[in-house]
């Protein structure tokens, strides 16, 4: 019975993206067996999902930093007018 991959089996963003690119290149060559193609497709989907989640988390962090900076700037401007 095949072991199901968990998030612990997934690499960080840069490694995942590089592996995903490798899978795409292999599949585009069209020389794989059907079974290998299916395995690569399944792994590629997991990597794609993980990359999307990593990008979303990064986007949220950037938004928080921008909001924090904007709040600090607004607070500073408010204190200067008092």
N, C-alpha and C. Protein backbone atom coordinates (compact mmCIF):
# COMPACT_ATOMS: atom_id res chain seq x y z
N UNK A 1 0.84 -1.17 0.00
CA UNK A 1 0.00 0.00 0.00
C UNK A 1 0.89 1.24 0.00
N UNK A 2 0.64 2.16 -0.91
CA UNK A 2 1.46 3.37 -1.06
C UNK A 2 1.20 4.33 0.10
N UNK A 3 2.28 4.94 0.55
CA UNK A 3 2.17 5.92 1.64
C UNK A 3 1.68 7.24 1.06
N UNK A 4 0.64 7.80 1.67
CA UNK A 4 0.12 9.09 1.22
C UNK A 4 1.05 10.19 1.69
N UNK A 5 1.35 11.12 0.79
CA UNK A 5 2.24 12.23 1.13
C UNK A 5 1.51 13.21 2.04
N UNK A 6 2.24 13.70 3.03
CA UNK A 6 1.69 14.70 3.94
C UNK A 6 2.41 16.01 3.70
N UNK A 7 1.96 17.07 4.35
CA UNK A 7 2.63 18.36 4.20
C UNK A 7 4.06 18.30 4.70
N UNK A 8 4.35 17.37 5.63
CA UNK A 8 5.71 17.22 6.12
C UNK A 8 6.63 16.70 5.01
N UNK A 9 6.06 16.05 4.00
CA UNK A 9 6.83 15.54 2.87
C UNK A 9 7.10 16.62 1.82
N UNK A 10 6.50 17.79 1.99
CA UNK A 10 6.63 18.84 0.99
C UNK A 10 7.79 19.77 1.33
N UNK A 11 8.58 20.13 0.34
CA UNK A 11 9.74 21.01 0.56
C UNK A 11 9.33 22.47 0.64
N UNK A 12 10.31 23.35 0.92
CA UNK A 12 10.02 24.78 0.96
C UNK A 12 9.72 25.29 -0.45
N UNK A 13 9.32 26.55 -0.55
CA UNK A 13 8.82 27.10 -1.81
C UNK A 13 9.80 26.95 -2.97
N UNK A 14 11.04 27.39 -2.77
CA UNK A 14 12.01 27.37 -3.88
C UNK A 14 12.30 25.95 -4.36
N UNK A 15 12.44 25.03 -3.42
CA UNK A 15 12.69 23.64 -3.78
C UNK A 15 11.47 23.05 -4.47
N UNK A 16 10.29 23.37 -3.95
CA UNK A 16 9.05 22.86 -4.55
C UNK A 16 8.88 23.38 -5.98
N UNK A 17 9.18 24.65 -6.18
CA UNK A 17 9.04 25.23 -7.52
C UNK A 17 10.02 24.59 -8.49
N UNK A 18 11.24 24.36 -8.05
CA UNK A 18 12.25 23.72 -8.91
C UNK A 18 11.81 22.29 -9.27
N UNK A 19 11.30 21.56 -8.28
CA UNK A 19 10.83 20.21 -8.55
C UNK A 19 9.63 20.23 -9.50
N UNK A 20 8.74 21.19 -9.31
CA UNK A 20 7.57 21.32 -10.18
C UNK A 20 8.00 21.59 -11.62
N UNK A 21 8.98 22.47 -11.80
CA UNK A 21 9.50 22.76 -13.14
C UNK A 21 10.09 21.51 -13.78
N UNK A 22 10.79 20.72 -12.98
CA UNK A 22 11.38 19.47 -13.47
C UNK A 22 10.30 18.49 -13.91
N UNK A 23 9.23 18.40 -13.13
CA UNK A 23 8.12 17.52 -13.47
C UNK A 23 7.47 17.97 -14.78
N UNK A 24 7.25 19.26 -14.92
CA UNK A 24 6.62 19.79 -16.14
C UNK A 24 7.50 19.47 -17.34
N UNK A 25 8.80 19.69 -17.22
CA UNK A 25 9.71 19.39 -18.33
C UNK A 25 9.65 17.91 -18.71
N UNK A 26 9.65 17.04 -17.70
CA UNK A 26 9.60 15.59 -17.95
C UNK A 26 8.30 15.23 -18.66
N UNK A 27 7.19 15.79 -18.20
CA UNK A 27 5.90 15.46 -18.80
C UNK A 27 5.77 16.01 -20.21
N UNK A 28 6.36 17.20 -20.45
CA UNK A 28 6.28 17.80 -21.79
C UNK A 28 7.04 16.98 -22.83
N UNK A 29 8.05 16.24 -22.38
CA UNK A 29 8.79 15.40 -23.31
C UNK A 29 7.94 14.24 -23.83
N UNK A 30 6.96 13.83 -23.05
CA UNK A 30 6.01 12.82 -23.49
C UNK A 30 6.58 11.42 -23.62
N UNK A 31 7.67 11.14 -22.94
CA UNK A 31 8.31 9.82 -23.05
C UNK A 31 8.08 8.95 -21.83
N UNK A 32 7.24 9.38 -20.92
CA UNK A 32 6.97 8.61 -19.71
C UNK A 32 5.86 7.60 -19.95
N UNK A 33 5.86 6.58 -19.10
CA UNK A 33 4.73 5.66 -19.13
C UNK A 33 3.52 6.37 -18.55
N UNK A 34 2.36 5.82 -18.78
CA UNK A 34 1.14 6.40 -18.24
C UNK A 34 1.22 6.45 -16.71
N UNK A 35 1.68 5.38 -16.11
CA UNK A 35 1.76 5.33 -14.64
C UNK A 35 2.71 6.39 -14.10
N UNK A 36 3.87 6.56 -14.73
CA UNK A 36 4.82 7.59 -14.30
C UNK A 36 4.24 8.99 -14.49
N UNK A 37 3.52 9.17 -15.58
CA UNK A 37 2.87 10.46 -15.83
C UNK A 37 1.84 10.77 -14.76
N UNK A 38 1.07 9.77 -14.37
CA UNK A 38 0.07 9.95 -13.33
C UNK A 38 0.71 10.28 -11.98
N UNK A 39 1.81 9.58 -11.67
CA UNK A 39 2.52 9.87 -10.42
C UNK A 39 3.09 11.29 -10.44
N UNK A 40 3.68 11.67 -11.56
CA UNK A 40 4.22 13.02 -11.67
C UNK A 40 3.11 14.06 -11.59
N UNK A 41 1.98 13.78 -12.23
CA UNK A 41 0.86 14.71 -12.18
C UNK A 41 0.38 14.90 -10.74
N UNK A 42 0.24 13.79 -10.02
CA UNK A 42 -0.22 13.85 -8.63
C UNK A 42 0.77 14.65 -7.78
N UNK A 43 2.06 14.37 -7.94
CA UNK A 43 3.09 15.10 -7.19
C UNK A 43 3.07 16.58 -7.60
N UNK A 44 2.93 16.85 -8.88
CA UNK A 44 2.89 18.22 -9.36
C UNK A 44 1.73 19.00 -8.78
N UNK A 45 0.59 18.36 -8.67
CA UNK A 45 -0.59 19.03 -8.09
C UNK A 45 -0.33 19.38 -6.62
N UNK A 46 0.28 18.45 -5.88
CA UNK A 46 0.59 18.71 -4.47
C UNK A 46 1.59 19.86 -4.34
N UNK A 47 2.60 19.85 -5.20
CA UNK A 47 3.60 20.92 -5.17
C UNK A 47 2.99 22.26 -5.56
N UNK A 48 2.13 22.24 -6.56
CA UNK A 48 1.46 23.46 -7.00
C UNK A 48 0.61 24.05 -5.86
N UNK A 49 -0.13 23.20 -5.19
CA UNK A 49 -0.96 23.65 -4.07
C UNK A 49 -0.08 24.25 -2.97
N UNK A 50 1.03 23.58 -2.68
CA UNK A 50 1.93 24.06 -1.64
C UNK A 50 2.53 25.41 -2.02
N UNK A 51 2.92 25.57 -3.29
CA UNK A 51 3.48 26.84 -3.76
C UNK A 51 2.43 27.95 -3.65
N UNK A 52 1.21 27.66 -4.04
CA UNK A 52 0.13 28.65 -3.94
C UNK A 52 -0.10 29.07 -2.49
N UNK A 53 -0.06 28.10 -1.57
CA UNK A 53 -0.25 28.42 -0.16
C UNK A 53 0.92 29.26 0.37
N UNK A 54 2.13 28.92 -0.04
CA UNK A 54 3.30 29.70 0.38
C UNK A 54 3.21 31.13 -0.12
N UNK A 55 2.79 31.29 -1.38
CA UNK A 55 2.65 32.64 -1.94
C UNK A 55 1.56 33.42 -1.22
N UNK A 56 0.47 32.76 -0.88
CA UNK A 56 -0.62 33.42 -0.16
C UNK A 56 -0.15 33.88 1.22
N UNK A 57 0.61 33.02 1.90
CA UNK A 57 1.14 33.39 3.21
C UNK A 57 2.09 34.58 3.09
N UNK A 58 2.92 34.58 2.06
CA UNK A 58 3.84 35.69 1.84
C UNK A 58 3.06 36.97 1.56
N UNK A 59 2.01 36.87 0.76
CA UNK A 59 1.17 38.03 0.45
C UNK A 59 0.54 38.60 1.72
N UNK A 60 0.05 37.72 2.59
CA UNK A 60 -0.55 38.16 3.84
C UNK A 60 0.47 38.85 4.74
N UNK A 61 1.70 38.33 4.75
CA UNK A 61 2.76 38.95 5.56
C UNK A 61 3.08 40.34 5.03
N UNK A 62 3.15 40.48 3.70
CA UNK A 62 3.43 41.79 3.10
C UNK A 62 2.31 42.77 3.42
N UNK A 63 1.06 42.31 3.28
CA UNK A 63 -0.08 43.17 3.60
C UNK A 63 -0.03 43.63 5.06
N UNK A 64 0.32 42.72 5.97
CA UNK A 64 0.41 43.07 7.38
C UNK A 64 1.50 44.11 7.60
N UNK A 65 2.65 43.91 6.96
CA UNK A 65 3.74 44.88 7.12
C UNK A 65 3.33 46.25 6.58
N UNK A 66 2.66 46.27 5.43
CA UNK A 66 2.20 47.53 4.86
C UNK A 66 1.17 48.21 5.76
N UNK A 67 0.25 47.42 6.30
CA UNK A 67 -0.76 47.97 7.20
C UNK A 67 -0.12 48.51 8.47
N UNK A 68 0.84 47.75 9.02
CA UNK A 68 1.54 48.20 10.23
C UNK A 68 2.29 49.50 9.95
N UNK A 69 2.96 49.56 8.82
CA UNK A 69 3.72 50.76 8.45
C UNK A 69 2.78 51.95 8.27
N UNK A 70 1.66 51.70 7.59
CA UNK A 70 0.68 52.76 7.36
C UNK A 70 0.11 53.26 8.68
N UNK A 71 -0.18 52.34 9.59
CA UNK A 71 -0.72 52.72 10.90
C UNK A 71 0.30 53.55 11.68
N UNK A 72 1.56 53.12 11.64
CA UNK A 72 2.62 53.85 12.35
C UNK A 72 2.79 55.24 11.74
N UNK A 73 2.74 55.31 10.43
CA UNK A 73 2.89 56.60 9.75
C UNK A 73 1.73 57.52 10.10
N UNK A 74 0.53 56.99 10.10
CA UNK A 74 -0.66 57.77 10.44
C UNK A 74 -0.58 58.24 11.90
N UNK A 75 -0.15 57.35 12.76
CA UNK A 75 -0.02 57.68 14.18
C UNK A 75 1.03 58.78 14.38
N UNK A 76 2.12 58.68 13.65
CA UNK A 76 3.18 59.68 13.73
C UNK A 76 2.69 61.04 13.25
N UNK A 77 1.95 61.05 12.16
CA UNK A 77 1.40 62.29 11.63
C UNK A 77 0.39 62.90 12.59
N UNK A 78 -0.39 62.05 13.23
CA UNK A 78 -1.40 62.49 14.19
C UNK A 78 -0.72 63.14 15.39
N UNK A 79 0.37 62.54 15.87
CA UNK A 79 1.09 63.07 17.03
C UNK A 79 1.76 64.40 16.70
N UNK A 80 2.18 64.59 15.46
CA UNK A 80 2.83 65.83 15.06
C UNK A 80 1.83 66.99 15.02
N UNK A 81 0.58 66.72 14.74
CA UNK A 81 -0.42 67.78 14.65
C UNK A 81 -0.98 68.16 16.02
N UNK A 82 -0.71 67.36 17.04
CA UNK A 82 -1.21 67.65 18.40
C UNK A 82 -0.42 68.73 19.08
